[in-house]
Protein backbone atom coordinates (compact mmCIF):
# COMPACT_ATOMS: atom_id res chain seq x y z
CA MET A 1 9.67 -36.11 -98.13
CA LEU A 2 9.00 -34.62 -101.56
CA TYR A 3 6.92 -31.87 -99.94
CA LEU A 4 9.76 -31.03 -97.56
CA THR A 5 12.22 -30.78 -100.47
CA TRP A 6 9.86 -28.51 -102.39
CA TYR A 7 9.30 -26.33 -99.34
CA LEU A 8 13.05 -26.01 -98.80
CA GLU A 9 13.51 -25.00 -102.44
CA GLU A 10 10.84 -22.31 -102.04
CA LYS A 11 12.77 -20.88 -99.08
CA LYS A 12 16.04 -20.90 -101.04
CA VAL A 13 14.33 -19.02 -103.87
CA ARG A 14 13.08 -16.44 -101.36
CA VAL A 15 16.61 -15.94 -99.99
CA ALA A 16 17.94 -15.46 -103.53
CA GLU A 17 15.22 -12.85 -104.18
CA ILE A 18 16.21 -10.89 -101.08
CA GLU A 19 19.90 -10.98 -102.00
CA GLN A 20 19.11 -9.86 -105.56
CA ARG A 21 16.84 -7.01 -104.44
CA VAL A 22 19.53 -5.56 -102.18
CA LYS A 23 22.10 -5.90 -104.97
CA ASP A 24 19.80 -4.22 -107.52
CA GLU A 25 18.64 -1.38 -105.29
CA PHE A 26 21.80 -0.59 -103.36
CA GLY A 27 24.66 -2.17 -105.31
CA VAL A 28 25.63 -4.20 -102.25
CA VAL A 29 26.15 -7.95 -102.30
CA ILE A 30 24.85 -9.64 -99.17
CA ARG A 31 24.58 -13.28 -98.22
CA VAL A 32 21.54 -14.31 -96.22
CA GLU A 33 22.33 -17.35 -94.12
CA ILE A 34 19.50 -19.35 -92.57
CA LEU A 35 20.65 -21.40 -89.60
CA ASP A 36 17.51 -23.50 -89.18
CA TRP A 37 15.58 -23.98 -92.44
CA LYS A 38 12.82 -26.00 -90.75
CA LYS A 39 11.89 -23.16 -88.39
CA ALA A 40 12.09 -20.37 -90.97
CA GLN A 41 8.63 -19.03 -91.74
CA ALA A 42 7.47 -16.73 -94.53
CA SER A 43 7.33 -13.88 -92.03
CA SER A 44 11.00 -14.52 -91.19
CA PHE A 45 11.98 -13.81 -94.79
CA ASP A 46 9.82 -10.68 -94.89
CA SER A 47 11.57 -9.46 -91.73
CA ILE A 48 15.00 -10.19 -93.20
CA GLU A 49 14.18 -8.29 -96.38
CA GLN A 50 12.72 -5.35 -94.46
CA LYS A 51 15.76 -5.14 -92.19
CA ALA A 52 18.23 -5.32 -95.09
CA VAL A 53 16.43 -2.55 -96.97
CA GLU A 54 16.29 -0.46 -93.80
CA ILE A 55 20.03 -0.86 -93.17
CA PHE A 56 21.12 0.05 -96.68
CA SER A 57 18.59 2.85 -97.11
CA LYS A 58 20.33 4.77 -94.31
CA LYS A 59 23.69 4.78 -96.11
């Protein structure tokens, strides 16, 4: 159970990093919402970050 809590915290930190990067680079505040924390993999967060940067880079 402790491992699961730690793992969940790591994912929340990753989401905060993505939100902060978009805010710093583009001046846009976004909120990343994960619907199923158990299924979210590291690659999921990389994809989210890549997509967010791609969207705001075009503007």
